Structures are given as C-alpha cells and as structure tokens.
Amino acid sequence: YGDMNIEEQLAFLNDEYLSHFDAIEVNTEVGIQTPFTEGKVVSYPYSVGSEEPTDNRTLHSFAYVLPDVTPEH
C-alpha cells in the first residue's frame, strides 16, 4: 500500500480519463459570508438502510465563522 510509481499512475489517469475532457476555468473564489444575526439550528433527515434501526442515528455538527485574518491581528 502506498508503494507505487506515482508518475505512472498520474500518466494513466491522464491518458485514460482526463485527456478525454476539455479544461474549463472554474471560479474557486470563496466570498465573505454575511454573519447571522443570531444562532441557527437546522435539522435535515438522512437515509439509513431499510433494515437498519433508527435509534441513535443522530449526527451533530457545530460550526463557527471567524472574522478575516489581517496582519494587524
């Protein structure tokens, strides 16, 4: 595992897959998010297998948005 010729693998990916597509410019800029005026709680259902129990199948996520980092900070 992990002991491979990376150049050979990259050439394979290019020759067999990537070379069949045209390159496109993608805007990857991430804009500044407008802060929320108060906290949010959001709930989204998600799938589990038809034979799976639904007890204890909760996913929690907690996130912060931090201010811009500038040389002064």
N, C-alpha and C. Protein backbone atom coordinates (compact mmCIF):
# COMPACT_ATOMS: atom_id res chain seq x y z
N TYR A 1 0.84 -1.18 0.00
CA TYR A 1 0.00 0.00 0.00
C TYR A 1 0.88 1.24 0.00
N GLY A 2 0.66 2.13 -0.93
CA GLY A 2 1.42 3.37 -0.99
C GLY A 2 2.75 3.25 -1.69
N ASP A 3 3.16 2.03 -2.07
CA ASP A 3 4.44 1.83 -2.74
C ASP A 3 4.18 1.67 -4.23
N MET A 4 4.05 2.80 -4.91
CA MET A 4 3.73 2.76 -6.33
C MET A 4 4.52 3.83 -7.07
N ASN A 5 4.56 3.69 -8.36
CA ASN A 5 5.19 4.69 -9.21
C ASN A 5 4.14 5.77 -9.48
N ILE A 6 4.24 6.88 -8.78
CA ILE A 6 3.22 7.93 -8.88
C ILE A 6 3.16 8.53 -10.28
N GLU A 7 4.30 8.67 -10.94
CA GLU A 7 4.30 9.22 -12.31
C GLU A 7 3.52 8.30 -13.25
N GLU A 8 3.69 7.01 -13.09
CA GLU A 8 2.97 6.03 -13.91
C GLU A 8 1.47 6.12 -13.65
N GLN A 9 1.08 6.25 -12.40
CA GLN A 9 -0.33 6.35 -12.05
C GLN A 9 -0.96 7.64 -12.59
N LEU A 10 -0.23 8.75 -12.47
CA LEU A 10 -0.74 10.02 -12.99
C LEU A 10 -0.86 9.98 -14.50
N ALA A 11 0.10 9.36 -15.18
CA ALA A 11 0.03 9.23 -16.64
C ALA A 11 -1.19 8.40 -17.03
N PHE A 12 -1.45 7.33 -16.30
CA PHE A 12 -2.63 6.50 -16.57
C PHE A 12 -3.91 7.31 -16.43
N LEU A 13 -4.04 8.05 -15.33
CA LEU A 13 -5.23 8.88 -15.12
C LEU A 13 -5.41 9.89 -16.24
N ASN A 14 -4.31 10.50 -16.65
CA ASN A 14 -4.38 11.48 -17.73
C ASN A 14 -4.78 10.82 -19.05
N ASP A 15 -4.08 9.75 -19.40
CA ASP A 15 -4.30 9.11 -20.70
C ASP A 15 -5.66 8.45 -20.82
N GLU A 16 -6.13 7.84 -19.76
CA GLU A 16 -7.37 7.07 -19.82
C GLU A 16 -8.63 7.88 -19.47
N TYR A 17 -8.46 9.00 -18.76
CA TYR A 17 -9.63 9.75 -18.32
C TYR A 17 -9.54 11.24 -18.63
N LEU A 18 -8.61 11.92 -18.01
CA LEU A 18 -8.59 13.38 -18.06
C LEU A 18 -8.40 13.93 -19.47
N SER A 19 -7.62 13.25 -20.30
CA SER A 19 -7.37 13.76 -21.65
C SER A 19 -8.61 13.72 -22.53
N HIS A 20 -9.66 13.07 -22.10
CA HIS A 20 -10.90 12.99 -22.87
C HIS A 20 -11.84 14.17 -22.61
N PHE A 21 -11.42 15.09 -21.77
CA PHE A 21 -12.24 16.24 -21.41
C PHE A 21 -11.51 17.52 -21.75
N ASP A 22 -12.28 18.57 -22.03
CA ASP A 22 -11.70 19.89 -22.24
C ASP A 22 -11.55 20.59 -20.89
N ALA A 23 -10.45 21.28 -20.73
CA ALA A 23 -10.23 22.04 -19.49
C ALA A 23 -11.18 23.23 -19.46
N ILE A 24 -11.70 23.55 -18.30
CA ILE A 24 -12.56 24.72 -18.14
C ILE A 24 -12.03 25.55 -16.98
N GLU A 25 -12.29 26.83 -17.04
CA GLU A 25 -11.95 27.73 -15.94
C GLU A 25 -13.06 27.64 -14.90
N VAL A 26 -12.68 27.45 -13.67
CA VAL A 26 -13.66 27.35 -12.58
C VAL A 26 -13.34 28.43 -11.57
N ASN A 27 -14.35 29.21 -11.23
CA ASN A 27 -14.18 30.24 -10.21
C ASN A 27 -14.21 29.56 -8.85
N THR A 28 -13.06 29.50 -8.20
CA THR A 28 -12.98 28.84 -6.90
C THR A 28 -12.92 29.84 -5.74
N GLU A 29 -13.17 31.10 -6.05
CA GLU A 29 -13.12 32.12 -5.01
C GLU A 29 -14.26 31.89 -4.02
N VAL A 30 -13.92 31.95 -2.76
CA VAL A 30 -14.92 31.81 -1.71
C VAL A 30 -15.18 33.20 -1.15
N GLY A 31 -16.41 33.66 -1.29
CA GLY A 31 -16.75 35.00 -0.84
C GLY A 31 -16.89 35.09 0.67
N ILE A 32 -16.97 36.31 1.15
CA ILE A 32 -17.16 36.55 2.57
C ILE A 32 -18.62 36.25 2.93
N GLN A 33 -18.82 35.45 3.95
CA GLN A 33 -20.17 35.11 4.38
C GLN A 33 -20.72 36.20 5.27
N THR A 34 -21.95 36.60 5.01
CA THR A 34 -22.62 37.58 5.85
C THR A 34 -22.95 36.92 7.19
N PRO A 35 -22.56 37.53 8.30
CA PRO A 35 -22.83 36.92 9.61
C PRO A 35 -24.33 36.79 9.88
N PHE A 36 -24.70 35.75 10.58
CA PHE A 36 -26.07 35.61 11.04
C PHE A 36 -26.30 36.59 12.18
N THR A 37 -27.53 37.04 12.33
CA THR A 37 -27.83 37.95 13.43
C THR A 37 -28.05 37.18 14.73
N GLU A 38 -28.33 35.89 14.63
CA GLU A 38 -28.49 35.03 15.80
C GLU A 38 -28.15 33.60 15.41
N GLY A 39 -27.98 32.74 16.40
CA GLY A 39 -27.65 31.35 16.14
C GLY A 39 -28.73 30.64 15.34
N LYS A 40 -28.35 29.58 14.65
CA LYS A 40 -29.30 28.80 13.87
C LYS A 40 -29.25 27.34 14.29
N VAL A 41 -30.40 26.73 14.30
CA VAL A 41 -30.50 25.28 14.48
C VAL A 41 -31.20 24.76 13.24
N VAL A 42 -30.56 23.83 12.55
CA VAL A 42 -31.11 23.29 11.31
C VAL A 42 -31.17 21.78 11.43
N SER A 43 -32.25 21.19 10.95
CA SER A 43 -32.41 19.74 11.00
C SER A 43 -32.69 19.22 9.60
N TYR A 44 -31.92 18.22 9.18
CA TYR A 44 -32.11 17.59 7.88
C TYR A 44 -32.23 16.08 8.08
N PRO A 45 -33.26 15.46 7.52
CA PRO A 45 -33.33 14.00 7.60
C PRO A 45 -32.29 13.38 6.67
N TYR A 46 -31.84 12.19 7.00
CA TYR A 46 -30.93 11.47 6.10
C TYR A 46 -31.31 10.00 6.10
N SER A 47 -30.90 9.31 5.06
CA SER A 47 -31.31 7.92 4.86
C SER A 47 -30.48 6.94 5.67
N VAL A 48 -31.13 5.89 6.10
CA VAL A 48 -30.46 4.72 6.65
C VAL A 48 -31.05 3.52 5.91
N GLY A 49 -30.34 2.42 5.92
CA GLY A 49 -30.82 1.23 5.22
C GLY A 49 -32.18 0.78 5.73
N SER A 50 -32.95 0.13 4.87
CA SER A 50 -34.31 -0.29 5.24
C SER A 50 -34.31 -1.28 6.40
N GLU A 51 -33.23 -2.01 6.58
CA GLU A 51 -33.12 -2.97 7.68
C GLU A 51 -32.41 -2.39 8.89
N GLU A 52 -31.97 -1.15 8.80
CA GLU A 52 -31.20 -0.52 9.88
C GLU A 52 -32.14 0.09 10.91
N PRO A 53 -31.79 0.00 12.19
CA PRO A 53 -32.59 0.69 13.21
C PRO A 53 -32.36 2.20 13.12
N THR A 54 -33.33 2.97 13.53
CA THR A 54 -33.18 4.43 13.51
C THR A 54 -32.81 4.99 14.87
N ASP A 55 -32.78 4.15 15.89
CA ASP A 55 -32.37 4.60 17.22
C ASP A 55 -30.89 4.98 17.19
N ASN A 56 -30.58 6.05 17.88
CA ASN A 56 -29.19 6.51 18.00
C ASN A 56 -28.52 6.78 16.65
N ARG A 57 -29.27 7.29 15.71
CA ARG A 57 -28.73 7.61 14.38
C ARG A 57 -28.73 9.12 14.16
N THR A 58 -28.16 9.83 15.10
CA THR A 58 -28.14 11.29 15.04
C THR A 58 -26.74 11.76 14.71
N LEU A 59 -26.64 12.75 13.85
CA LEU A 59 -25.37 13.37 13.51
C LEU A 59 -25.44 14.82 13.94
N HIS A 60 -24.47 15.26 14.71
CA HIS A 60 -24.42 16.64 15.17
C HIS A 60 -23.24 17.34 14.52
N SER A 61 -23.45 18.60 14.17
CA SER A 61 -22.37 19.41 13.62
C SER A 61 -22.44 20.77 14.30
N PHE A 62 -21.28 21.30 14.62
CA PHE A 62 -21.19 22.58 15.30
C PHE A 62 -20.13 23.39 14.57
N ALA A 63 -20.46 24.62 14.16
CA ALA A 63 -19.51 25.39 13.36
C ALA A 63 -19.49 26.85 13.77
N TYR A 64 -18.36 27.47 13.55
CA TYR A 64 -18.17 28.90 13.75
C TYR A 64 -17.69 29.52 12.46
N VAL A 65 -18.05 30.78 12.25
CA VAL A 65 -17.46 31.57 11.18
C VAL A 65 -16.59 32.61 11.87
N LEU A 66 -15.32 32.62 11.52
CA LEU A 66 -14.38 33.54 12.16
C LEU A 66 -14.18 34.78 11.30
N PRO A 67 -13.79 35.89 11.90
CA PRO A 67 -13.55 37.10 11.11
C PRO A 67 -12.31 36.94 10.24
N ASP A 68 -12.16 37.85 9.28
CA ASP A 68 -10.98 37.85 8.43
C ASP A 68 -9.72 37.96 9.27
N VAL A 69 -8.68 37.31 8.82
CA VAL A 69 -7.38 37.42 9.46
C VAL A 69 -6.60 38.48 8.70
N THR A 70 -6.13 39.47 9.41
CA THR A 70 -5.36 40.54 8.79
C THR A 70 -4.01 40.64 9.49
N PRO A 71 -3.04 41.30 8.87
CA PRO A 71 -1.73 41.42 9.51
C PRO A 71 -1.79 42.07 10.90
N GLU A 72 -2.81 42.90 11.14
CA GLU A 72 -2.93 43.58 12.42
C GLU A 72 -3.32 42.61 13.53
N HIS A 73 -3.93 41.48 13.17
CA HIS A 73 -4.38 40.52 14.19
C HIS A 73 -3.30 39.53 14.41
